[in-house]
Amino acid sequence: MAKKNKNQMVASEELVSNAPLKNADLSAENTSTKQAKPGKGPKNKKGDKKIGAGARMRKAFKEMFSELKKVNWPTAKKTASMFGIVIVVVLFFLVIISAFDYGIMQLIKLLMDASVNS
């Protein structure tokens, strides 16, 4: 009989979970009986007034700039070295692709000349 690994389950074992919804009733009848009462939803700081588009945009930009301040930006030396690597890789593939293109053009020219002469 083979040894049982700690991480392997046998087909007869049941998966045990501590999830809170394990035995929950998720039928549509239960959810439809609970009605939300008007005025009991989430409110903003100013009470029940709707937040304007301008205020939402200001908040979004403020959060965006605060996140950009947290970014670990590379130094100028690191950026220059990365840029150099990108240029070298692009030039390398430019040479490879150009060589394949030239070879295919010569092959097509050879096939066309052969078909005209016959």
PDB file of N, CA and C in Angstrom:
ATOM      1  N   MET A   1       0.838  -1.179   0.000  1.00  0.00           N
ATOM      2  CA  MET A   1       0.000   0.000   0.000  1.00  0.00           C
ATOM      3  C   MET A   1       0.886   1.246   0.000  1.00  0.00           C
ATOM      4  N   ALA A   2       0.539   2.208  -0.853  1.00  0.00           N
ATOM      5  CA  ALA A   2       1.362   3.400  -1.004  1.00  0.00           C
ATOM      6  C   ALA A   2       1.187   4.324   0.193  1.00  0.00           C
ATOM      7  N   LYS A   3       2.258   5.054   0.520  1.00  0.00           N
ATOM      8  CA  LYS A   3       2.178   6.012   1.619  1.00  0.00           C
ATOM      9  C   LYS A   3       1.321   7.202   1.212  1.00  0.00           C
ATOM     10  N   LYS A   4       0.611   7.763   2.152  1.00  0.00           N
ATOM     11  CA  LYS A   4      -0.234   8.926   1.897  1.00  0.00           C
ATOM     12  C   LYS A   4       0.553  10.178   2.266  1.00  0.00           C
ATOM     13  N   ASN A   5       0.697  11.074   1.328  1.00  0.00           N
ATOM     14  CA  ASN A   5       1.379  12.335   1.554  1.00  0.00           C
ATOM     15  C   ASN A   5       0.461  13.249   2.350  1.00  0.00           C
ATOM     16  N   LYS A   6       1.020  14.152   3.151  1.00  0.00           N
ATOM     17  CA  LYS A   6       0.215  15.077   3.950  1.00  0.00           C
ATOM     18  C   LYS A   6      -0.689  15.956   3.083  1.00  0.00           C
ATOM     19  N   ASN A   7      -0.208  16.378   1.926  1.00  0.00           N
ATOM     20  CA  ASN A   7      -0.942  17.310   1.075  1.00  0.00           C
ATOM     21  C   ASN A   7      -1.928  16.627   0.147  1.00  0.00           C
ATOM     22  N   GLN A   8      -1.912  15.297   0.064  1.00  0.00           N
ATOM     23  CA  GLN A   8      -2.801  14.597  -0.844  1.00  0.00           C
ATOM     24  C   GLN A   8      -4.034  14.134  -0.097  1.00  0.00           C
ATOM     25  N   MET A   9      -5.177  14.170  -0.809  1.00  0.00           N
ATOM     26  CA  MET A   9      -6.431  13.697  -0.233  1.00  0.00           C
ATOM     27  C   MET A   9      -6.821  12.392  -0.898  1.00  0.00           C
ATOM     28  N   VAL A  10      -7.426  11.513  -0.139  1.00  0.00           N
ATOM     29  CA  VAL A  10      -7.967  10.283  -0.674  1.00  0.00           C
ATOM     30  C   VAL A  10      -9.397  10.573  -1.110  1.00  0.00           C
ATOM     31  N   ALA A  11      -9.894   9.848  -2.127  1.00  0.00           N
ATOM     32  CA  ALA A  11     -11.215  10.113  -2.673  1.00  0.00           C
ATOM     33  C   ALA A  11     -12.314  10.007  -1.628  1.00  0.00           C
ATOM     34  N   SER A  12     -12.140   9.212  -0.594  1.00  0.00           N
ATOM     35  CA  SER A  12     -13.196   9.042   0.397  1.00  0.00           C
ATOM     36  C   SER A  12     -13.211  10.164   1.430  1.00  0.00           C
ATOM     37  N   GLU A  13     -12.163  10.972   1.495  1.00  0.00           N
ATOM     38  CA  GLU A  13     -12.112  12.066   2.464  1.00  0.00           C
ATOM     39  C   GLU A  13     -12.968  13.236   1.999  1.00  0.00           C
ATOM     40  N   GLU A  14     -13.587  13.911   2.956  1.00  0.00           N
ATOM     41  CA  GLU A  14     -14.422  15.067   2.648  1.00  0.00           C
ATOM     42  C   GLU A  14     -13.617  16.332   2.899  1.00  0.00           C
ATOM     43  N   LEU A  15     -13.760  17.298   2.020  1.00  0.00           N
ATOM     44  CA  LEU A  15     -13.073  18.567   2.177  1.00  0.00           C
ATOM     45  C   LEU A  15     -13.763  19.356   3.276  1.00  0.00           C
ATOM     46  N   VAL A  16     -13.024  19.755   4.289  1.00  0.00           N
ATOM     47  CA  VAL A  16     -13.592  20.480   5.421  1.00  0.00           C
ATOM     48  C   VAL A  16     -13.219  21.940   5.283  1.00  0.00           C
ATOM     49  N   SER A  17     -14.208  22.803   5.494  1.00  0.00           N
ATOM     50  CA  SER A  17     -13.969  24.229   5.362  1.00  0.00           C
ATOM     51  C   SER A  17     -14.542  24.949   6.564  1.00  0.00           C
ATOM     52  N   ASN A  18     -13.896  26.012   6.969  1.00  0.00           N
ATOM     53  CA  ASN A  18     -14.397  26.838   8.055  1.00  0.00           C
ATOM     54  C   ASN A  18     -15.084  28.085   7.523  1.00  0.00           C
ATOM     55  N   ALA A  19     -15.479  28.064   6.282  1.00  0.00           N
ATOM     56  CA  ALA A  19     -16.126  29.220   5.670  1.00  0.00           C
ATOM     57  C   ALA A  19     -17.471  29.475   6.338  1.00  0.00           C
ATOM     58  N   PRO A  20     -17.852  30.732   6.555  1.00  0.00           N
ATOM     59  CA  PRO A  20     -19.120  31.035   7.227  1.00  0.00           C
ATOM     60  C   PRO A  20     -20.343  30.668   6.403  1.00  0.00           C
ATOM     61  N   LEU A  21     -20.226  30.519   5.100  1.00  0.00           N
ATOM     62  CA  LEU A  21     -21.378  30.233   4.255  1.00  0.00           C
ATOM     63  C   LEU A  21     -21.530  28.748   3.950  1.00  0.00           C
ATOM     64  N   LYS A  22     -20.877  27.885   4.733  1.00  0.00           N
ATOM     65  CA  LYS A  22     -20.894  26.464   4.438  1.00  0.00           C
ATOM     66  C   LYS A  22     -22.315  25.900   4.430  1.00  0.00           C
ATOM     67  N   ASN A  23     -23.105  26.194   5.427  1.00  0.00           N
ATOM     68  CA  ASN A  23     -24.457  25.666   5.529  1.00  0.00           C
ATOM     69  C   ASN A  23     -25.511  26.759   5.332  1.00  0.00           C
ATOM     70  N   ALA A  24     -25.150  27.850   4.717  1.00  0.00           N
ATOM     71  CA  ALA A  24     -26.080  28.964   4.549  1.00  0.00           C
ATOM     72  C   ALA A  24     -27.111  28.654   3.482  1.00  0.00           C
ATOM     73  N   ASP A  25     -28.313  29.185   3.671  1.00  0.00           N
ATOM     74  CA  ASP A  25     -29.387  29.031   2.694  1.00  0.00           C
ATOM     75  C   ASP A  25     -29.321  30.225   1.759  1.00  0.00           C
ATOM     76  N   LEU A  26     -28.965  30.009   0.502  1.00  0.00           N
ATOM     77  CA  LEU A  26     -28.777  31.096  -0.457  1.00  0.00           C
ATOM     78  C   LEU A  26     -29.915  31.153  -1.461  1.00  0.00           C
ATOM     79  N   SER A  27     -31.085  30.673  -1.093  1.00  0.00           N
ATOM     80  CA  SER A  27     -32.199  30.673  -2.035  1.00  0.00           C
ATOM     81  C   SER A  27     -32.717  32.083  -2.254  1.00  0.00           C
ATOM     82  N   ALA A  28     -33.385  32.307  -3.370  1.00  0.00           N
ATOM     83  CA  ALA A  28     -33.908  33.622  -3.723  1.00  0.00           C
ATOM     84  C   ALA A  28     -35.039  34.038  -2.797  1.00  0.00           C
ATOM     85  N   GLU A  29     -35.768  33.086  -2.201  1.00  0.00           N
ATOM     86  CA  GLU A  29     -36.884  33.427  -1.324  1.00  0.00           C
ATOM     87  C   GLU A  29     -36.393  34.138  -0.079  1.00  0.00           C
ATOM     88  N   ASN A  30     -35.251  33.706   0.472  1.00  0.00           N
ATOM     89  CA  ASN A  30     -34.730  34.341   1.675  1.00  0.00           C
ATOM     90  C   ASN A  30     -34.262  35.761   1.403  1.00  0.00           C
ATOM     91  N   THR A  31     -33.636  35.984   0.291  1.00  0.00           N
ATOM     92  CA  THR A  31     -33.095  37.309  -0.002  1.00  0.00           C
ATOM     93  C   THR A  31     -34.189  38.284  -0.403  1.00  0.00           C
ATOM     94  N   SER A  32     -35.286  37.811  -1.008  1.00  0.00           N
ATOM     95  CA  SER A  32     -36.331  38.723  -1.451  1.00  0.00           C
ATOM     96  C   SER A  32     -37.209  39.184  -0.303  1.00  0.00           C
ATOM     97  N   THR A  33     -37.235  38.472   0.828  1.00  0.00           N
ATOM     98  CA  THR A  33     -38.083  38.864   1.946  1.00  0.00           C
ATOM     99  C   THR A  33     -37.496  40.036   2.709  1.00  0.00           C
ATOM    100  N   LYS A  34     -36.199  40.218   2.635  1.00  0.00           N
ATOM    101  CA  LYS A  34     -35.569  41.333   3.326  1.00  0.00           C
ATOM    102  C   LYS A  34     -35.618  42.565   2.437  1.00  0.00           C
ATOM    103  N   GLN A  35     -36.371  43.556   2.845  1.00  0.00           N
ATOM    104  CA  GLN A  35     -36.505  44.798   2.097  1.00  0.00           C
ATOM    105  C   GLN A  35     -35.645  45.868   2.751  1.00  0.00           C
ATOM    106  N   ALA A  36     -34.956  46.643   1.959  1.00  0.00           N
ATOM    107  CA  ALA A  36     -34.161  47.743   2.488  1.00  0.00           C
ATOM    108  C   ALA A  36     -35.087  48.900   2.809  1.00  0.00           C
ATOM    109  N   LYS A  37     -34.913  49.461   3.989  1.00  0.00           N
ATOM    110  CA  LYS A  37     -35.753  50.583   4.398  1.00  0.00           C
ATOM    111  C   LYS A  37     -35.176  51.866   3.812  1.00  0.00           C
ATOM    112  N   PRO A  38     -36.029  52.767   3.340  1.00  0.00           N
ATOM    113  CA  PRO A  38     -35.520  54.012   2.767  1.00  0.00           C
ATOM    114  C   PRO A  38     -34.797  54.846   3.820  1.00  0.00           C
ATOM    115  N   GLY A  39     -33.694  55.456   3.401  1.00  0.00           N
ATOM    116  CA  GLY A  39     -32.943  56.329   4.294  1.00  0.00           C
ATOM    117  C   GLY A  39     -31.978  55.582   5.190  1.00  0.00           C
ATOM    118  N   LYS A  40     -31.873  54.276   5.072  1.00  0.00           N
ATOM    119  CA  LYS A  40     -30.985  53.492   5.922  1.00  0.00           C
ATOM    120  C   LYS A  40     -29.690  53.108   5.220  1.00  0.00           C
ATOM    121  N   GLY A  41     -29.478  53.562   3.994  1.00  0.00           N
ATOM    122  CA  GLY A  41     -28.278  53.236   3.238  1.00  0.00           C
ATOM    123  C   GLY A  41     -27.092  54.050   3.698  1.00  0.00           C
ATOM    124  N   PRO A  42     -25.926  53.878   3.072  1.00  0.00           N
ATOM    125  CA  PRO A  42     -24.731  54.637   3.462  1.00  0.00           C
ATOM    126  C   PRO A  42     -24.888  56.105   3.115  1.00  0.00           C
ATOM    127  N   LYS A  43     -24.422  56.952   4.003  1.00  0.00           N
ATOM    128  CA  LYS A  43     -24.518  58.396   3.792  1.00  0.00           C
ATOM    129  C   LYS A  43     -23.117  58.974   3.680  1.00  0.00           C
ATOM    130  N   ASN A  44     -23.032  60.113   2.997  1.00  0.00           N
ATOM    131  CA  ASN A  44     -21.750  60.783   2.955  1.00  0.00           C
ATOM    132  C   ASN A  44     -21.621  61.680   4.184  1.00  0.00           C
ATOM    133  N   LYS A  45     -20.504  62.379   4.331  1.00  0.00           N
ATOM    134  CA  LYS A  45     -20.248  63.181   5.520  1.00  0.00           C
ATOM    135  C   LYS A  45     -21.207  64.354   5.659  1.00  0.00           C
ATOM    136  N   LYS A  46     -21.763  64.797   4.555  1.00  0.00           N
ATOM    137  CA  LYS A  46     -22.639  65.964   4.577  1.00  0.00           C
ATOM    138  C   LYS A  46     -24.095  65.572   4.790  1.00  0.00           C
ATOM    139  N   GLY A  47     -24.376  64.344   5.166  1.00  0.00           N
ATOM    140  CA  GLY A  47     -25.751  63.919   5.366  1.00  0.00           C
ATOM    141  C   GLY A  47     -26.242  63.170   4.154  1.00  0.00           C
ATOM    142  N   ASP A  48     -27.436  63.497   3.700  1.00  0.00           N
ATOM    143  CA  ASP A  48     -28.055  62.790   2.583  1.00  0.00           C
ATOM    144  C   ASP A  48     -27.777  63.428   1.239  1.00  0.00           C
ATOM    145  N   LYS A  49     -27.010  64.531   1.192  1.00  0.00           N
ATOM    146  CA  LYS A  49     -26.754  65.201  -0.085  1.00  0.00           C
ATOM    147  C   LYS A  49     -25.850  64.359  -0.966  1.00  0.00           C
ATOM    148  N   LYS A  50     -26.115  64.398  -2.259  1.00  0.00           N
ATOM    149  CA  LYS A  50     -25.319  63.659  -3.229  1.00  0.00           C
ATOM    150  C   LYS A  50     -24.010  64.408  -3.483  1.00  0.00           C
ATOM    151  N   ILE A  51     -22.912  63.663  -3.564  1.00  0.00           N
ATOM    152  CA  ILE A  51     -21.603  64.278  -3.818  1.00  0.00           C
ATOM    153  C   ILE A  51     -21.535  64.662  -5.293  1.00  0.00           C
ATOM    154  N   GLY A  52     -21.093  65.894  -5.576  1.00  0.00           N
ATOM    155  CA  GLY A  52     -21.030  66.391  -6.941  1.00  0.00           C
ATOM    156  C   GLY A  52     -19.892  65.776  -7.732  1.00  0.00           C
ATOM    157  N   ALA A  53     -19.978  65.937  -9.055  1.00  0.00           N
ATOM    158  CA  ALA A  53     -18.969  65.367  -9.946  1.00  0.00           C
ATOM    159  C   ALA A  53     -17.605  66.013  -9.714  1.00  0.00           C
ATOM    160  N   GLY A  54     -17.587  67.314  -9.472  1.00  0.00           N
ATOM    161  CA  GLY A  54     -16.319  68.014  -9.239  1.00  0.00           C
ATOM    162  C   GLY A  54     -15.616  67.514  -7.989  1.00  0.00           C
ATOM    163  N   ALA A  55     -16.386  67.291  -6.941  1.00  0.00           N
ATOM    164  CA  ALA A  55     -15.798  66.797  -5.691  1.00  0.00           C
ATOM    165  C   ALA A  55     -15.262  65.387  -5.867  1.00  0.00           C
ATOM    166  N   ARG A  56     -15.970  64.566  -6.622  1.00  0.00           N
ATOM    167  CA  ARG A  56     -15.494  63.204  -6.871  1.00  0.00           C
ATOM    168  C   ARG A  56     -14.206  63.226  -7.685  1.00  0.00           C
ATOM    169  N   MET A  57     -14.132  64.123  -8.680  1.00  0.00           N
ATOM    170  CA  MET A  57     -12.917  64.218  -9.502  1.00  0.00           C
ATOM    171  C   MET A  57     -11.739  64.706  -8.667  1.00  0.00           C
ATOM    172  N   ARG A  58     -11.971  65.719  -7.809  1.00  0.00           N
ATOM    173  CA  ARG A  58     -10.894  66.217  -6.946  1.00  0.00           C
ATOM    174  C   ARG A  58     -10.382  65.107  -6.037  1.00  0.00           C
ATOM    175  N   LYS A  59     -11.321  64.331  -5.471  1.00  0.00           N
ATOM    176  CA  LYS A  59     -10.936  63.235  -4.591  1.00  0.00           C
ATOM    177  C   LYS A  59     -10.123  62.187  -5.358  1.00  0.00           C
ATOM    178  N   ALA A  60     -10.546  61.860  -6.588  1.00  0.00           N
ATOM    179  CA  ALA A  60      -9.846  60.866  -7.395  1.00  0.00           C
ATOM    180  C   ALA A  60      -8.424  61.326  -7.713  1.00  0.00           C
ATOM    181  N   PHE A  61      -8.271  62.596  -8.106  1.00  0.00           N
ATOM    182  CA  PHE A  61      -6.932  63.107  -8.423  1.00  0.00           C
ATOM    183  C   PHE A  61      -6.060  63.176  -7.173  1.00  0.00           C
ATOM    184  N   LYS A  62      -6.655  63.546  -6.048  1.00  0.00           N
ATOM    185  CA  LYS A  62      -5.897  63.613  -4.798  1.00  0.00           C
ATOM    186  C   LYS A  62      -5.373  62.229  -4.432  1.00  0.00           C
ATOM    187  N   GLU A  63      -6.227  61.203  -4.552  1.00  0.00           N
ATOM    188  CA  GLU A  63      -5.803  59.838  -4.261  1.00  0.00           C
ATOM    189  C   GLU A  63      -4.750  59.354  -5.249  1.00  0.00           C
ATOM    190  N   MET A  64      -4.913  59.752  -6.531  1.00  0.00           N
ATOM    191  CA  MET A  64      -3.954  59.339  -7.552  1.00  0.00           C
ATOM    192  C   MET A  64      -2.569  59.913  -7.250  1.00  0.00           C
ATOM    193  N   PHE A  65      -2.498  61.195  -6.907  1.00  0.00           N
ATOM    194  CA  PHE A  65      -1.209  61.808  -6.624  1.00  0.00           C
ATOM    195  C   PHE A  65      -0.594  61.249  -5.345  1.00  0.00           C
ATOM    196  N   SER A  66      -1.416  60.916  -4.358  1.00  0.00           N
ATOM    197  CA  SER A  66      -0.862  60.330  -3.137  1.00  0.00           C
ATOM    198  C   SER A  66      -0.274  58.948  -3.432  1.00  0.00           C
ATOM    199  N   GLU A  67      -0.882  58.188  -4.335  1.00  0.00           N
ATOM    200  CA  GLU A  67      -0.330  56.888  -4.721  1.00  0.00           C
ATOM    201  C   GLU A  67       0.958  57.066  -5.527  1.00  0.00           C
ATOM    202  N   LEU A  68       1.019  58.078  -6.389  1.00  0.00           N
ATOM    203  CA  LEU A  68       2.229  58.317  -7.177  1.00  0.00           C
ATOM    204  C   LEU A  68       3.409  58.704  -6.294  1.00  0.00           C
ATOM    205  N   LYS A  69       3.138  59.337  -5.153  1.00  0.00           N
ATOM    206  CA  LYS A  69       4.219  59.689  -4.231  1.00  0.00           C
ATOM    207  C   LYS A  69       4.812  58.448  -3.576  1.00  0.00           C
ATOM    208  N   LYS A  70       4.026  57.387  -3.483  1.00  0.00           N
ATOM    209  CA  LYS A  70       4.484  56.156  -2.844  1.00  0.00           C
ATOM    210  C   LYS A  70       5.328  55.288  -3.781  1.00  0.00           C
ATOM    211  N   VAL A  71       5.343  55.614  -5.068  1.00  0.00           N
ATOM    212  CA  VAL A  71       6.054  54.796  -6.054  1.00  0.00           C
ATOM    213  C   VAL A  71       7.559  54.945  -5.853  1.00  0.00           C
ATOM    214  N   ASN A  72       8.288  53.842  -5.973  1.00  0.00           N
ATOM    215  CA  ASN A  72       9.748  53.853  -5.881  1.00  0.00           C
ATOM    216  C   ASN A  72      10.295  54.112  -7.284  1.00  0.00           C
ATOM    217  N   TRP A  73      10.568  55.370  -7.612  1.00  0.00           N
ATOM    218  CA  TRP A  73      11.012  55.749  -8.945  1.00  0.00           C
ATOM    219  C   TRP A  73      12.487  55.399  -9.125  1.00  0.00           C
ATOM    220  N   PRO A  74      12.889  54.926 -10.328  1.00  0.00           N
ATOM    221  CA  PRO A  74      14.299  54.596 -10.562  1.00  0.00           C
ATOM    222  C   PRO A  74      15.136  55.873 -10.719  1.00  0.00           C
ATOM    223  N   THR A  75      16.432  55.729 -10.466  1.00  0.00           N
ATOM    224  CA  THR A  75      17.341  56.865 -10.615  1.00  0.00           C
ATOM    225  C   THR A  75      17.592  57.118 -12.103  1.00  0.00           C
ATOM    226  N   ALA A  76      18.187  58.254 -12.406  1.00  0.00           N
ATOM    227  CA  ALA A  76      18.490  58.603 -13.792  1.00  0.00           C
ATOM    228  C   ALA A  76      19.500  57.614 -14.387  1.00  0.00           C
ATOM    229  N   LYS A  77      20.464  57.176 -13.581  1.00  0.00           N
ATOM    230  CA  LYS A  77      21.463  56.219 -14.062  1.00  0.00           C
ATOM    231  C   LYS A  77      20.798  54.881 -14.404  1.00  0.00           C
ATOM    232  N   LYS A  78      19.889  54.404 -13.548  1.00  0.00           N
ATOM    233  CA  LYS A  78      19.189  53.143 -13.787  1.00  0.00           C
ATOM    234  C   LYS A  78      18.299  53.263 -15.030  1.00  0.00           C
ATOM    235  N   THR A  79      17.625  54.399 -15.187  1.00  0.00           N
ATOM    236  CA  THR A  79      16.771  54.613 -16.355  1.00  0.00           C
ATOM    237  C   THR A  79      17.590  54.617 -17.636  1.00  0.00           C
ATOM    238  N   ALA A  80      18.751  55.267 -17.620  1.00  0.00           N
ATOM    239  CA  ALA A  80      19.613  55.312 -18.800  1.00  0.00           C
ATOM    240  C   ALA A  80      20.121  53.919 -19.161  1.00  0.00           C
ATOM    241  N   SER A  81      20.481  53.112 -18.160  1.00  0.00           N
ATOM    242  CA  SER A  81      20.970  51.765 -18.462  1.00  0.00           C
ATOM    243  C   SER A  81      19.845  50.899 -19.019  1.00  0.00           C
ATOM    244  N   MET A  82      18.642  51.035 -18.491  1.00  0.00           N
ATOM    245  CA  MET A  82      17.491  50.288 -19.026  1.00  0.00           C
ATOM    246  C   MET A  82      17.183  50.720 -20.457  1.00  0.00           C
ATOM    247  N   PHE A  83      17.284  52.017 -20.718  1.00  0.00           N
ATOM    248  CA  PHE A  83      17.047  52.537 -22.061  1.00  0.00           C
ATOM    249  C   PHE A  83      18.081  51.967 -23.039  1.00  0.00           C
ATOM    250  N   GLY A  84      19.328  51.907 -22.609  1.00  0.00           N
ATOM    251  CA  GLY A  84      20.377  51.337 -23.453  1.00  0.00           C
ATOM    252  C   GLY A  84      20.117  49.875 -23.773  1.00  0.00           C
ATOM    253  N   ILE A  85      19.659  49.114 -22.786  1.00  0.00           N
ATOM    254  CA  ILE A  85      19.344  47.699 -23.016  1.00  0.00           C
ATOM    255  C   ILE A  85      18.215  47.569 -24.029  1.00  0.00           C
ATOM    256  N   VAL A  86      17.191  48.393 -23.900  1.00  0.00           N
ATOM    257  CA  VAL A  86      16.059  48.340 -24.839  1.00  0.00           C
ATOM    258  C   VAL A  86      16.524  48.652 -26.254  1.00  0.00           C
ATOM    259  N   ILE A  87      17.371  49.662 -26.425  1.00  0.00           N
ATOM    260  CA  ILE A  87      17.865  50.033 -27.756  1.00  0.00           C
ATOM    261  C   ILE A  87      18.676  48.891 -28.361  1.00  0.00           C
ATOM    262  N   VAL A  88      19.534  48.248 -27.568  1.00  0.00           N
ATOM    263  CA  VAL A  88      20.352  47.136 -28.069  1.00  0.00           C
ATOM    264  C   VAL A  88      19.468  45.976 -28.511  1.00  0.00           C
ATOM    265  N   VAL A  89      18.448  45.629 -27.728  1.00  0.00           N
ATOM    266  CA  VAL A  89      17.555  44.519 -28.075  1.00  0.00           C
ATOM    267  C   VAL A  89      16.771  44.843 -29.343  1.00  0.00           C
ATOM    268  N   VAL A  90      16.291  46.080 -29.461  1.00  0.00           N
ATOM    269  CA  VAL A  90      15.538  46.473 -30.652  1.00  0.00           C
ATOM    270  C   VAL A  90      16.421  46.406 -31.890  1.00  0.00           C
ATOM    271  N   LEU A  91      17.645  46.893 -31.808  1.00  0.00           N
ATOM    272  CA  LEU A  91      18.564  46.837 -32.945  1.00  0.00           C
ATOM    273  C   LEU A  91      18.909  45.393 -33.316  1.00  0.00           C
ATOM    274  N   PHE A  92      19.077  44.536 -32.317  1.00  0.00           N
ATOM    275  CA  PHE A  92      19.358  43.129 -32.570  1.00  0.00           C
ATOM    276  C   PHE A  92      18.217  42.489 -33.376  1.00  0.00           C
ATOM    277  N   PHE A  93      16.987  42.699 -32.931  1.00  0.00           N
ATOM    278  CA  PHE A  93      15.859  42.109 -33.648  1.00  0.00           C
ATOM    279  C   PHE A  93      15.617  42.784 -34.995  1.00  0.00           C
ATOM    280  N   LEU A  94      15.999  44.058 -35.123  1.00  0.00           N
ATOM    281  CA  LEU A  94      15.910  44.735 -36.417  1.00  0.00           C
ATOM    282  C   LEU A  94      16.816  44.045 -37.429  1.00  0.00           C
ATOM    283  N   VAL A  95      18.026  43.709 -37.023  1.00  0.00           N
ATOM    284  CA  VAL A  95      18.964  43.025 -37.914  1.00  0.00           C
ATOM    285  C   VAL A  95      18.438  41.640 -38.277  1.00  0.00           C
ATOM    286  N   ILE A  96      17.951  40.901 -37.308  1.00  0.00           N
ATOM    287  CA  ILE A  96      17.442  39.537 -37.562  1.00  0.00           C
ATOM    288  C   ILE A  96      16.263  39.580 -38.528  1.00  0.00           C
ATOM    289  N   ILE A  97      15.287  40.444 -38.246  1.00  0.00           N
ATOM    290  CA  ILE A  97      14.086  40.516 -39.102  1.00  0.00           C
ATOM    291  C   ILE A  97      14.443  41.013 -40.498  1.00  0.00           C
ATOM    292  N   SER A  98      15.364  41.980 -40.586  1.00  0.00           N
ATOM    293  CA  SER A  98      15.788  42.474 -41.903  1.00  0.00           C
ATOM    294  C   SER A  98      16.476  41.372 -42.704  1.00  0.00           C
ATOM    295  N   ALA A  99      17.266  40.538 -42.043  1.00  0.00           N
ATOM    296  CA  ALA A  99      17.942  39.437 -42.737  1.00  0.00           C
ATOM    297  C   ALA A  99      16.918  38.439 -43.272  1.00  0.00           C
ATOM    298  N   PHE A 100      15.928  38.080 -42.453  1.00  0.00           N
ATOM    299  CA  PHE A 100      14.869  37.183 -42.926  1.00  0.00           C
ATOM    300  C   PHE A 100      14.093  37.798 -44.081  1.00  0.00           C
ATOM    301  N   ASP A 101      13.806  39.093 -43.995  1.00  0.00           N
ATOM    302  CA  ASP A 101      13.067  39.772 -45.056  1.00  0.00           C
ATOM    303  C   ASP A 101      13.852  39.755 -46.356  1.00  0.00           C
ATOM    304  N   TYR A 102      15.142  40.047 -46.264  1.00  0.00           N
ATOM    305  CA  TYR A 102      15.987  40.036 -47.465  1.00  0.00           C
ATOM    306  C   TYR A 102      16.048  38.629 -48.074  1.00  0.00           C
ATOM    307  N   GLY A 103      16.188  37.619 -47.213  1.00  0.00           N
ATOM    308  CA  GLY A 103      16.249  36.249 -47.703  1.00  0.00           C
ATOM    309  C   GLY A 103      14.949  35.833 -48.380  1.00  0.00           C
ATOM    310  N   ILE A 104      13.826  36.185 -47.818  1.00  0.00           N
ATOM    311  CA  ILE A 104      12.533  35.839 -48.426  1.00  0.00           C
ATOM    312  C   ILE A 104      12.344  36.577 -49.745  1.00  0.00           C
ATOM    313  N   MET A 105      12.779  37.862 -49.796  1.00  0.00           N
ATOM    314  CA  MET A 105      12.667  38.609 -51.056  1.00  0.00           C
ATOM    315  C   MET A 105      13.508  37.952 -52.148  1.00  0.00           C
ATOM    316  N   GLN A 106      14.711  37.517 -51.814  1.00  0.00           N
ATOM    317  CA  GLN A 106      15.576  36.862 -52.802  1.00  0.00           C
ATOM    318  C   GLN A 106      14.979  35.530 -53.254  1.00  0.00           C
ATOM    319  N   LEU A 107      14.364  34.793 -52.325  1.00  0.00           N
ATOM    320  CA  LEU A 107      13.731  33.524 -52.669  1.00  0.00           C
ATOM    321  C   LEU A 107      12.539  33.744 -53.610  1.00  0.00           C
ATOM    322  N   ILE A 108      11.740  34.751 -53.339  1.00  0.00           N
ATOM    323  CA  ILE A 108      10.593  35.058 -54.213  1.00  0.00           C
ATOM    324  C   ILE A 108      11.081  35.496 -55.591  1.00  0.00           C
ATOM    325  N   LYS A 109      12.133  36.339 -55.628  1.00  0.00           N
ATOM    326  CA  LYS A 109      12.687  36.788 -56.910  1.00  0.00           C
ATOM    327  C   LYS A 109      13.220  35.595 -57.708  1.00  0.00           C
ATOM    328  N   LEU A 110      13.876  34.656 -57.044  1.00  0.00           N
ATOM    329  CA  LEU A 110      14.393  33.458 -57.705  1.00  0.00           C
ATOM    330  C   LEU A 110      13.253  32.603 -58.265  1.00  0.00           C
ATOM    331  N   LEU A 111      12.189  32.441 -57.492  1.00  0.00           N
ATOM    332  CA  LEU A 111      11.040  31.646 -57.950  1.00  0.00           C
ATOM    333  C   LEU A 111      10.304  32.327 -59.117  1.00  0.00           C
ATOM    334  N   MET A 112      10.214  33.647 -59.073  1.00  0.00           N
ATOM    335  CA  MET A 112       9.559  34.364 -60.170  1.00  0.00           C
ATOM    336  C   MET A 112      10.388  34.267 -61.452  1.00  0.00           C
ATOM    337  N   ASP A 113      11.699  34.414 -61.347  1.00  0.00           N
ATOM    338  CA  ASP A 113      12.570  34.287 -62.520  1.00  0.00           C
ATOM    339  C   ASP A 113      12.497  32.889 -63.103  1.00  0.00           C
ATOM    340  N   ALA A 114      12.411  31.878 -62.230  1.00  0.00           N
ATOM    341  CA  ALA A 114      12.342  30.502 -62.701  1.00  0.00           C
ATOM    342  C   ALA A 114      11.007  30.236 -63.418  1.00  0.00           C
ATOM    343  N   SER A 115       9.927  30.849 -62.929  1.00  0.00           N
ATOM    344  CA  SER A 115       8.626  30.615 -63.549  1.00  0.00           C
ATOM    345  C   SER A 115       8.491  31.371 -64.878  1.00  0.00           C
ATOM    346  N   VAL A 116       9.158  32.501 -65.019  1.00  0.00           N
ATOM    347  CA  VAL A 116       9.095  33.276 -66.282  1.00  0.00           C
ATOM    348  C   VAL A 116       9.925  32.566 -67.348  1.00  0.00           C
ATOM    349  N   ASN A 117      11.052  32.017 -66.995  1.00  0.00           N
ATOM    350  CA  ASN A 117      11.949  31.365 -67.945  1.00  0.00           C
ATOM    351  C   ASN A 117      11.428  30.014 -68.424  1.00  0.00           C
ATOM    352  N   SER A 118      10.526  29.395 -67.690  1.00  0.00           N
ATOM    353  CA  SER A 118      10.059  28.090 -68.141  1.00  0.00           C
ATOM    354  C   SER A 118       8.822  28.144 -68.980  1.00  0.00           C
TER     355      SER A 118
END
